Amino acid sequence: MTISIAHARNLSLVAVALLGSALVPSVTSAQEDQADGKSFVENFDKIDAGRWYISDGWNNGPHQNCTWSKKQISVENGMLQLQFTQGKTGERDYACAEIQTTKRYGYGTYEARYRTATGSGLNSAFFTYIGPTDKKPHDELDFEVLGKNTGQVQVNQYIGGKGGNEKLVPVAGGADQGFNDYAIVWEKDRLRYYVNGKLVQDVSDPSKIPTHAQKIFFSLWGTDTLGNWMGKFAYGGPSTMQVDRIAFTAAGDKCQFAESIACKLN
């Protein structure tokens, strides 16, 4: 699927920004490109307003059947909860959840442990993104679990708005049945994706590796129109994506927790 979840997220916000910034050339590296985020590990005892921004009050366009709502984001029992529920919210009949970092991060290791939502037509995503709303080209790194088949996860990346790098890899037991570990190791000359410690995608072509510092996102949303990609939507009650941990280890820094991929690679 070539639509970007994060790029689509901004369709309703960037009409003006696109005119002036969609053609910004990709000329700097992530390490030179205002990467102001430092290494961290977050176990979600609370939502740190200095680290996280919660999307609220808009939708991404006609492909999305829900409105981002801050009411769909909470922390319970040391876990971040992202919910998809029925209920008139703005222009949509459903409410969904998205959270993003306030800072941008560059080369390093991105790791999250989470359980995805259940339901055809839903998308549970852990990804990084930068784009026209930030006056930068569209770069992105993705893990997306589509509710139509939670036995696999789609990895993908966008470079200057160009995608087409999708790969589906298995998640043993189902991504919605338990917690799994997803990791991206992003280097200047190499990009690797891991699922539960296993290397599932290894990219060395420089034209397929992003170069701009990005924000980190989690999102849960639904569609009535992208059935071929995400499955036919049929509401079966509230559904929840749970995040146990997120960590970023900048290139050259010590790993942030004992089980980290960064500990094994350094």
C-alpha atoms as a PDB file:
ATOM      1  CA  MET A   1       0.000   0.000   0.000  1.00  0.00           C
ATOM      2  CA  THR A   2       1.504   3.323  -1.019  1.00  0.00           C
ATOM      3  CA  ILE A   3      -0.517   5.692   1.164  1.00  0.00           C
ATOM      4  CA  SER A   4       1.454   6.970   4.150  1.00  0.00           C
ATOM      5  CA  ILE A   5      -0.352   6.838   7.469  1.00  0.00           C
ATOM      6  CA  ALA A   6       1.525   9.859   8.766  1.00  0.00           C
ATOM      7  CA  HIS A   7       1.364  11.822   5.542  1.00  0.00           C
ATOM      8  CA  ALA A   8      -2.355  11.130   5.363  1.00  0.00           C
ATOM      9  CA  ARG A   9      -2.678  12.274   8.979  1.00  0.00           C
ATOM     10  CA  ASN A  10      -1.744  15.762   7.882  1.00  0.00           C
ATOM     11  CA  LEU A  11      -3.878  16.109   4.755  1.00  0.00           C
ATOM     12  CA  SER A  12      -6.457  18.256   6.492  1.00  0.00           C
ATOM     13  CA  LEU A  13      -3.790  20.511   8.010  1.00  0.00           C
ATOM     14  CA  VAL A  14      -1.245  21.155   5.312  1.00  0.00           C
ATOM     15  CA  ALA A  15      -2.987  22.687   2.308  1.00  0.00           C
ATOM     16  CA  VAL A  16      -0.983  25.872   2.723  1.00  0.00           C
ATOM     17  CA  ALA A  17       2.218  24.198   3.879  1.00  0.00           C
ATOM     18  CA  LEU A  18       2.270  21.882   0.881  1.00  0.00           C
ATOM     19  CA  LEU A  19       2.386  24.804  -1.520  1.00  0.00           C
ATOM     20  CA  GLY A  20       5.551  26.147  -0.034  1.00  0.00           C
ATOM     21  CA  SER A  21       7.397  23.140   1.291  1.00  0.00           C
ATOM     22  CA  ALA A  22       6.539  19.953  -0.581  1.00  0.00           C
ATOM     23  CA  LEU A  23       9.498  20.484  -2.884  1.00  0.00           C
ATOM     24  CA  VAL A  24      12.109  21.166  -0.201  1.00  0.00           C
ATOM     25  CA  PRO A  25      15.199  19.253  -1.375  1.00  0.00           C
ATOM     26  CA  SER A  26      16.646  16.426   0.705  1.00  0.00           C
ATOM     27  CA  VAL A  27      20.169  17.700   1.182  1.00  0.00           C
ATOM     28  CA  THR A  28      21.131  17.177   4.816  1.00  0.00           C
ATOM     29  CA  SER A  29      21.665  14.104   6.950  1.00  0.00           C
ATOM     30  CA  ALA A  30      19.625  13.171   9.985  1.00  0.00           C
ATOM     31  CA  GLN A  31      22.514  14.040  12.268  1.00  0.00           C
ATOM     32  CA  GLU A  32      22.692  17.527  10.754  1.00  0.00           C
ATOM     33  CA  ASP A  33      18.962  18.047  10.462  1.00  0.00           C
ATOM     34  CA  GLN A  34      17.801  19.423  13.815  1.00  0.00           C
ATOM     35  CA  ALA A  35      17.631  16.094  15.646  1.00  0.00           C
ATOM     36  CA  ASP A  36      17.001  17.549  19.079  1.00  0.00           C
ATOM     37  CA  GLY A  37      15.807  14.356  20.793  1.00  0.00           C
ATOM     38  CA  LYS A  38      18.143  12.499  23.139  1.00  0.00           C
ATOM     39  CA  SER A  39      18.278   8.813  24.109  1.00  0.00           C
ATOM     40  CA  PHE A  40      15.416   7.768  26.398  1.00  0.00           C
ATOM     41  CA  VAL A  41      13.331   4.867  27.629  1.00  0.00           C
ATOM     42  CA  GLU A  42       9.651   5.407  28.464  1.00  0.00           C
ATOM     43  CA  ASN A  43       7.676   2.895  30.558  1.00  0.00           C
ATOM     44  CA  PHE A  44       4.487   4.982  30.652  1.00  0.00           C
ATOM     45  CA  ASP A  45       3.910   5.509  34.336  1.00  0.00           C
ATOM     46  CA  LYS A  46       2.335   8.739  33.068  1.00  0.00           C
ATOM     47  CA  ILE A  47       2.158  10.785  29.870  1.00  0.00           C
ATOM     48  CA  ASP A  48       5.017  13.270  29.919  1.00  0.00           C
ATOM     49  CA  ALA A  49       3.673  16.433  28.262  1.00  0.00           C
ATOM     50  CA  GLY A  50       7.227  17.543  27.592  1.00  0.00           C
ATOM     51  CA  ARG A  51       7.854  14.446  25.478  1.00  0.00           C
ATOM     52  CA  TRP A  52       4.444  13.706  23.950  1.00  0.00           C
ATOM     53  CA  TYR A  53       1.818  15.591  21.970  1.00  0.00           C
ATOM     54  CA  ILE A  54      -1.675  14.045  21.624  1.00  0.00           C
ATOM     55  CA  SER A  55      -3.533  14.573  18.346  1.00  0.00           C
ATOM     56  CA  ASP A  56      -7.031  15.923  18.950  1.00  0.00           C
ATOM     57  CA  GLY A  57      -9.947  17.290  16.983  1.00  0.00           C
ATOM     58  CA  TRP A  58      -9.214  16.540  13.337  1.00  0.00           C
ATOM     59  CA  ASN A  59      -9.199  13.719  10.807  1.00  0.00           C
ATOM     60  CA  ASN A  60      -6.953  12.863   7.898  1.00  0.00           C
ATOM     61  CA  GLY A  61      -9.469  13.025   5.109  1.00  0.00           C
ATOM     62  CA  PRO A  62     -12.125  10.800   3.536  1.00  0.00           C
ATOM     63  CA  HIS A  63     -10.065   7.611   3.803  1.00  0.00           C
ATOM     64  CA  GLN A  64     -10.190   7.784   7.633  1.00  0.00           C
ATOM     65  CA  ASN A  65     -13.504   7.004   9.354  1.00  0.00           C
ATOM     66  CA  CYS A  66     -12.547   8.436  12.743  1.00  0.00           C
ATOM     67  CA  THR A  67     -11.452  11.668  14.395  1.00  0.00           C
ATOM     68  CA  TRP A  68      -8.324  11.901  16.544  1.00  0.00           C
ATOM     69  CA  SER A  69      -9.427  12.428  20.149  1.00  0.00           C
ATOM     70  CA  LYS A  70      -7.343  13.013  23.256  1.00  0.00           C
ATOM     71  CA  LYS A  71     -10.011  11.080  25.150  1.00  0.00           C
ATOM     72  CA  GLN A  72      -8.799   7.940  23.379  1.00  0.00           C
ATOM     73  CA  ILE A  73      -5.327   8.213  24.967  1.00  0.00           C
ATOM     74  CA  SER A  74      -4.658   7.169  28.566  1.00  0.00           C
ATOM     75  CA  VAL A  75      -2.187   5.381  30.813  1.00  0.00           C
ATOM     76  CA  GLU A  76      -3.315   2.388  32.869  1.00  0.00           C
ATOM     77  CA  ASN A  77      -1.208  -0.099  34.840  1.00  0.00           C
ATOM     78  CA  GLY A  78       2.016   1.255  33.379  1.00  0.00           C
ATOM     79  CA  MET A  79       0.846   1.019  29.769  1.00  0.00           C
ATOM     80  CA  LEU A  80      -0.136   3.542  27.154  1.00  0.00           C
ATOM     81  CA  GLN A  81      -3.654   2.829  25.886  1.00  0.00           C
ATOM     82  CA  LEU A  82      -4.808   3.911  22.415  1.00  0.00           C
ATOM     83  CA  GLN A  83      -8.506   3.254  21.817  1.00  0.00           C
ATOM     84  CA  PHE A  84     -10.826   3.073  18.828  1.00  0.00           C
ATOM     85  CA  THR A  85     -14.486   3.534  19.806  1.00  0.00           C
ATOM     86  CA  GLN A  86     -17.859   4.350  18.307  1.00  0.00           C
ATOM     87  CA  GLY A  87     -19.382   7.742  18.970  1.00  0.00           C
ATOM     88  CA  LYS A  88     -19.955  10.883  16.930  1.00  0.00           C
ATOM     89  CA  THR A  89     -16.739  12.892  17.049  1.00  0.00           C
ATOM     90  CA  GLY A  90     -16.562  15.898  14.756  1.00  0.00           C
ATOM     91  CA  GLU A  91     -17.361  14.762  11.217  1.00  0.00           C
ATOM     92  CA  ARG A  92     -16.846  11.080  11.929  1.00  0.00           C
ATOM     93  CA  ASP A  93     -18.829   8.318  13.648  1.00  0.00           C
ATOM     94  CA  TYR A  94     -15.761   6.931  15.438  1.00  0.00           C
ATOM     95  CA  ALA A  95     -12.963   8.251  17.628  1.00  0.00           C
ATOM     96  CA  CYS A  96      -9.336   7.112  17.312  1.00  0.00           C
ATOM     97  CA  ALA A  97      -5.951   7.793  18.870  1.00  0.00           C
ATOM     98  CA  GLU A  98      -2.556   9.191  17.948  1.00  0.00           C
ATOM     99  CA  ILE A  99       0.408  10.333  20.026  1.00  0.00           C
ATOM    100  CA  GLN A 100       3.703  11.779  18.801  1.00  0.00           C
ATOM    101  CA  THR A 101       6.926  13.071  20.284  1.00  0.00           C
ATOM    102  CA  THR A 102       7.526  16.778  20.570  1.00  0.00           C
ATOM    103  CA  LYS A 103      11.166  16.333  19.515  1.00  0.00           C
ATOM    104  CA  ARG A 104      12.851  14.899  16.434  1.00  0.00           C
ATOM    105  CA  TYR A 105      15.222  11.942  16.448  1.00  0.00           C
ATOM    106  CA  GLY A 106      17.989  10.913  14.075  1.00  0.00           C
ATOM    107  CA  TYR A 107      20.226   7.897  13.559  1.00  0.00           C
ATOM    108  CA  GLY A 108      19.905   5.267  16.252  1.00  0.00           C
ATOM    109  CA  THR A 109      17.723   2.418  17.505  1.00  0.00           C
ATOM    110  CA  TYR A 110      13.944   2.779  17.884  1.00  0.00           C
ATOM    111  CA  GLU A 111      12.236   0.061  19.945  1.00  0.00           C
ATOM    112  CA  ALA A 112       8.694  -0.505  21.149  1.00  0.00           C
ATOM    113  CA  ARG A 113       6.931  -3.326  22.957  1.00  0.00           C
ATOM    114  CA  TYR A 114       3.196  -3.360  22.337  1.00  0.00           C
ATOM    115  CA  ARG A 115       0.040  -5.312  21.605  1.00  0.00           C
ATOM    116  CA  THR A 116      -2.072  -4.239  18.646  1.00  0.00           C
ATOM    117  CA  ALA A 117      -5.817  -3.736  18.346  1.00  0.00           C
ATOM    118  CA  THR A 118      -8.184  -6.349  16.927  1.00  0.00           C
ATOM    119  CA  GLY A 119     -10.579  -5.684  14.069  1.00  0.00           C
ATOM    120  CA  SER A 120     -10.650  -5.684  10.283  1.00  0.00           C
ATOM    121  CA  GLY A 121     -10.297  -2.174   8.884  1.00  0.00           C
ATOM    122  CA  LEU A 122      -8.067  -0.992  11.750  1.00  0.00           C
ATOM    123  CA  ASN A 123      -4.386  -0.015  11.611  1.00  0.00           C
ATOM    124  CA  SER A 124      -2.113  -0.204  14.685  1.00  0.00           C
ATOM    125  CA  ALA A 125       1.105   1.639  13.887  1.00  0.00           C
ATOM    126  CA  PHE A 126       4.491   2.437  15.398  1.00  0.00           C
ATOM    127  CA  PHE A 127       6.424   4.748  13.098  1.00  0.00           C
ATOM    128  CA  THR A 128       8.601   7.808  12.616  1.00  0.00           C
ATOM    129  CA  TYR A 129       7.687  10.721  10.354  1.00  0.00           C
ATOM    130  CA  ILE A 130       8.680  14.177   9.188  1.00  0.00           C
ATOM    131  CA  GLY A 131       7.075  16.136   6.364  1.00  0.00           C
ATOM    132  CA  PRO A 132       5.667  19.324   4.873  1.00  0.00           C
ATOM    133  CA  THR A 133       3.943  20.473   8.087  1.00  0.00           C
ATOM    134  CA  ASP A 134       7.450  20.595   9.582  1.00  0.00           C
ATOM    135  CA  LYS A 135       8.804  22.307   6.438  1.00  0.00           C
ATOM    136  CA  LYS A 136      10.750  19.178   5.542  1.00  0.00           C
ATOM    137  CA  PRO A 137      10.473  16.508   2.856  1.00  0.00           C
ATOM    138  CA  HIS A 138       8.353  13.476   3.703  1.00  0.00           C
ATOM    139  CA  ASP A 139      10.577  10.808   5.310  1.00  0.00           C
ATOM    140  CA  GLU A 140       9.088   7.906   7.269  1.00  0.00           C
ATOM    141  CA  LEU A 141       9.837   4.510   8.857  1.00  0.00           C
ATOM    142  CA  ASP A 142       6.904   2.171   9.547  1.00  0.00           C
ATOM    143  CA  PHE A 143       5.633  -0.833  11.441  1.00  0.00           C
ATOM    144  CA  GLU A 144       1.919  -1.293  10.628  1.00  0.00           C
ATOM    145  CA  VAL A 145      -0.317  -4.148  11.775  1.00  0.00           C
ATOM    146  CA  LEU A 146      -3.538  -4.324   9.781  1.00  0.00           C
ATOM    147  CA  GLY A 147      -6.491  -5.734  11.685  1.00  0.00           C
ATOM    148  CA  LYS A 148      -7.535  -7.959   8.781  1.00  0.00           C
ATOM    149  CA  ASN A 149      -4.484 -10.162   9.493  1.00  0.00           C
ATOM    150  CA  THR A 150      -2.731  -9.625  12.810  1.00  0.00           C
ATOM    151  CA  GLY A 151      -0.441 -12.559  12.124  1.00  0.00           C
ATOM    152  CA  GLN A 152       1.843 -10.239  10.179  1.00  0.00           C
ATOM    153  CA  VAL A 153       3.279  -6.747  10.269  1.00  0.00           C
ATOM    154  CA  GLN A 154       4.083  -4.494   7.322  1.00  0.00           C
ATOM    155  CA  VAL A 155       7.431  -2.697   7.330  1.00  0.00           C
ATOM    156  CA  ASN A 156       7.997   0.209   4.974  1.00  0.00           C
ATOM    157  CA  GLN A 157       9.849   3.467   4.547  1.00  0.00           C
ATOM    158  CA  TYR A 158       9.376   6.708   2.614  1.00  0.00           C
ATOM    159  CA  ILE A 159      12.217   8.853   1.290  1.00  0.00           C
ATOM    160  CA  GLY A 160      11.309  12.284  -0.015  1.00  0.00           C
ATOM    161  CA  GLY A 161       7.691  11.164  -0.339  1.00  0.00           C
ATOM    162  CA  LYS A 162       8.559   7.999  -2.288  1.00  0.00           C
ATOM    163  CA  GLY A 163       7.457   4.686  -0.776  1.00  0.00           C
ATOM    164  CA  GLY A 164       6.944   1.320  -2.388  1.00  0.00           C
ATOM    165  CA  ASN A 165       9.242  -0.494   0.041  1.00  0.00           C
ATOM    166  CA  GLU A 166       6.555  -2.589   1.750  1.00  0.00           C
ATOM    167  CA  LYS A 167       7.327  -6.036   3.136  1.00  0.00           C
ATOM    168  CA  LEU A 168       5.010  -8.277   5.169  1.00  0.00           C
ATOM    169  CA  VAL A 169       6.660 -10.349   7.885  1.00  0.00           C
ATOM    170  CA  PRO A 170       5.067 -12.846  10.302  1.00  0.00           C
ATOM    171  CA  VAL A 171       4.306 -12.162  13.963  1.00  0.00           C
ATOM    172  CA  ALA A 172       4.095 -15.537  15.676  1.00  0.00           C
ATOM    173  CA  GLY A 173       0.883 -16.028  17.614  1.00  0.00           C
ATOM    174  CA  GLY A 174      -0.674 -12.805  16.351  1.00  0.00           C
ATOM    175  CA  ALA A 175       0.255  -9.205  17.087  1.00  0.00           C
ATOM    176  CA  ASP A 176      -3.054  -8.650  18.908  1.00  0.00           C
ATOM    177  CA  GLN A 177      -2.759 -11.719  21.144  1.00  0.00           C
ATOM    178  CA  GLY A 178       0.272 -10.674  23.167  1.00  0.00           C
ATOM    179  CA  PHE A 179       3.107  -8.170  23.469  1.00  0.00           C
ATOM    180  CA  ASN A 180       5.830  -8.209  20.829  1.00  0.00           C
ATOM    181  CA  ASP A 181       9.036  -6.259  20.358  1.00  0.00           C
ATOM    182  CA  TYR A 182       9.536  -4.155  17.233  1.00  0.00           C
ATOM    183  CA  ALA A 183      12.792  -2.350  16.487  1.00  0.00           C
ATOM    184  CA  ILE A 184      14.324  -0.177  13.782  1.00  0.00           C
ATOM    185  CA  VAL A 185      18.072   0.403  13.599  1.00  0.00           C
ATOM    186  CA  TRP A 186      18.599   3.462  11.410  1.00  0.00           C
ATOM    187  CA  GLU A 187      22.137   4.270  10.291  1.00  0.00           C
ATOM    188  CA  LYS A 188      23.441   6.516   7.538  1.00  0.00           C
ATOM    189  CA  ASP A 189      24.329   3.572   5.297  1.00  0.00           C
ATOM    190  CA  ARG A 190      22.033   0.835   6.618  1.00  0.00           C
ATOM    191  CA  LEU A 191      18.466   0.343   7.813  1.00  0.00           C
ATOM    192  CA  ARG A 192      17.279  -2.753   9.706  1.00  0.00           C
ATOM    193  CA  TYR A 193      13.893  -3.881  11.014  1.00  0.00           C
ATOM    194  CA  TYR A 194      13.545  -6.452  13.826  1.00  0.00           C
ATOM    195  CA  VAL A 195      10.563  -8.356  15.210  1.00  0.00           C
ATOM    196  CA  ASN A 196      11.111 -10.062  18.570  1.00  0.00           C
ATOM    197  CA  GLY A 197      14.853  -9.805  18.110  1.00  0.00           C
ATOM    198  CA  LYS A 198      14.852 -11.358  14.641  1.00  0.00           C
ATOM    199  CA  LEU A 199      16.128  -9.391  11.665  1.00  0.00           C
ATOM    200  CA  VAL A 200      13.277  -9.240   9.125  1.00  0.00           C
ATOM    201  CA  GLN A 201      14.419  -6.535   6.704  1.00  0.00           C
ATOM    202  CA  ASP A 202      17.917  -5.237   5.885  1.00  0.00           C
ATOM    203  CA  VAL A 203      18.311  -2.223   3.589  1.00  0.00           C
ATOM    204  CA  SER A 204      21.652  -0.951   2.259  1.00  0.00           C
ATOM    205  CA  ASP A 205      20.558   0.941  -0.867  1.00  0.00           C
ATOM    206  CA  PRO A 206      21.148   4.626   0.046  1.00  0.00           C
ATOM    207  CA  SER A 207      18.183   5.704  -2.087  1.00  0.00           C
ATOM    208  CA  LYS A 208      15.913   3.710   0.228  1.00  0.00           C
ATOM    209  CA  ILE A 209      17.226   5.128   3.530  1.00  0.00           C
ATOM    210  CA  PRO A 210      15.715   8.344   4.974  1.00  0.00           C
ATOM    211  CA  THR A 211      18.018  11.235   5.804  1.00  0.00           C
ATOM    212  CA  HIS A 212      15.917  13.635   7.892  1.00  0.00           C
ATOM    213  CA  ALA A 213      15.347  13.625  11.646  1.00  0.00           C
ATOM    214  CA  GLN A 214      11.812  12.522  12.514  1.00  0.00           C
ATOM    215  CA  LYS A 215       9.218  12.423  15.281  1.00  0.00           C
ATOM    216  CA  ILE A 216       8.070   9.121  16.819  1.00  0.00           C
ATOM    217  CA  PHE A 217       4.386   8.145  16.594  1.00  0.00           C
ATOM    218  CA  PHE A 218       1.886   5.561  17.789  1.00  0.00           C
ATOM    219  CA  SER A 219      -1.541   5.540  16.186  1.00  0.00           C
ATOM    220  CA  LEU A 220      -4.720   3.494  15.953  1.00  0.00           C
ATOM    221  CA  TRP A 221      -7.248   4.392  13.252  1.00  0.00           C
ATOM    222  CA  GLY A 222      -9.847   2.901  10.928  1.00  0.00           C
ATOM    223  CA  THR A 223     -11.109   3.154   7.360  1.00  0.00           C
ATOM    224  CA  ASP A 224     -14.239   2.518   5.321  1.00  0.00           C
ATOM    225  CA  THR A 225     -12.495   3.003   1.969  1.00  0.00           C
ATOM    226  CA  LEU A 226      -9.102   1.257   2.065  1.00  0.00           C
ATOM    227  CA  GLY A 227     -10.548  -2.243   2.324  1.00  0.00           C
ATOM    228  CA  ASN A 228      -8.127  -3.835  -0.133  1.00  0.00           C
ATOM    229  CA  TRP A 229      -5.250  -2.837   2.120  1.00  0.00           C
ATOM    230  CA  MET A 230      -6.648  -2.812   5.668  1.00  0.00           C
ATOM    231  CA  GLY A 231      -9.631  -5.133   5.288  1.00  0.00           C
ATOM    232  CA  LYS A 232     -13.369  -4.461   5.233  1.00  0.00           C
ATOM    233  CA  PHE A 233     -14.363  -2.416   8.268  1.00  0.00           C
ATOM    234  CA  ALA A 234     -17.005  -3.857  10.575  1.00  0.00           C
ATOM    235  CA  TYR A 235     -17.265  -2.356  14.042  1.00  0.00           C
ATOM    236  CA  GLY A 236     -17.168  -5.060  16.688  1.00  0.00           C
ATOM    237  CA  GLY A 237     -16.920  -2.899  19.777  1.00  0.00           C
ATOM    238  CA  PRO A 238     -14.097  -0.834  21.304  1.00  0.00           C
ATOM    239  CA  SER A 239     -10.574  -1.963  20.439  1.00  0.00           C
ATOM    240  CA  THR A 240      -7.312  -1.043  22.150  1.00  0.00           C
ATOM    241  CA  MET A 241      -3.628  -0.873  21.263  1.00  0.00           C
ATOM    242  CA  GLN A 242      -1.403  -1.154  24.361  1.00  0.00           C
ATOM    243  CA  VAL A 243       2.194   0.078  24.540  1.00  0.00           C
ATOM    244  CA  ASP A 244       4.360  -1.267  27.346  1.00  0.00           C
ATOM    245  CA  ARG A 245       7.606   0.508  26.439  1.00  0.00           C
ATOM    246  CA  ILE A 246       9.252   2.777  23.880  1.00  0.00           C
ATOM    247  CA  ALA A 247      12.952   3.574  23.717  1.00  0.00           C
ATOM    248  CA  PHE A 248      15.344   5.495  21.515  1.00  0.00           C
ATOM    249  CA  THR A 249      19.095   4.940  21.665  1.00  0.00           C
ATOM    250  CA  ALA A 250      21.063   7.514  19.698  1.00  0.00           C
ATOM    251  CA  ALA A 251      23.960   6.236  17.590  1.00  0.00           C
ATOM    252  CA  GLY A 252      26.986   5.814  19.863  1.00  0.00           C
ATOM    253  CA  ASP A 253      25.034   5.915  23.132  1.00  0.00           C
ATOM    254  CA  LYS A 254      24.721   3.091  25.656  1.00  0.00           C
ATOM    255  CA  CYS A 255      21.605   0.932  25.368  1.00  0.00           C
ATOM    256  CA  GLN A 256      18.647   2.127  27.443  1.00  0.00           C
ATOM    257  CA  PHE A 257      17.399  -1.176  28.923  1.00  0.00           C
ATOM    258  CA  ALA A 258      18.800  -4.666  29.382  1.00  0.00           C
ATOM    259  CA  GLU A 259      16.791  -6.424  26.638  1.00  0.00           C
ATOM    260  CA  SER A 260      17.493  -3.751  24.030  1.00  0.00           C
ATOM    261  CA  ILE A 261      18.620  -4.675  20.526  1.00  0.00           C
ATOM    262  CA  ALA A 262      21.147  -1.859  20.941  1.00  0.00           C
ATOM    263  CA  CYS A 263      22.814  -3.831  23.784  1.00  0.00           C
ATOM    264  CA  LYS A 264      23.347  -6.795  21.465  1.00  0.00           C
ATOM    265  CA  LEU A 265      24.569  -4.799  18.496  1.00  0.00           C
ATOM    266  CA  ASN A 266      27.058  -2.572  20.324  1.00  0.00           C
END
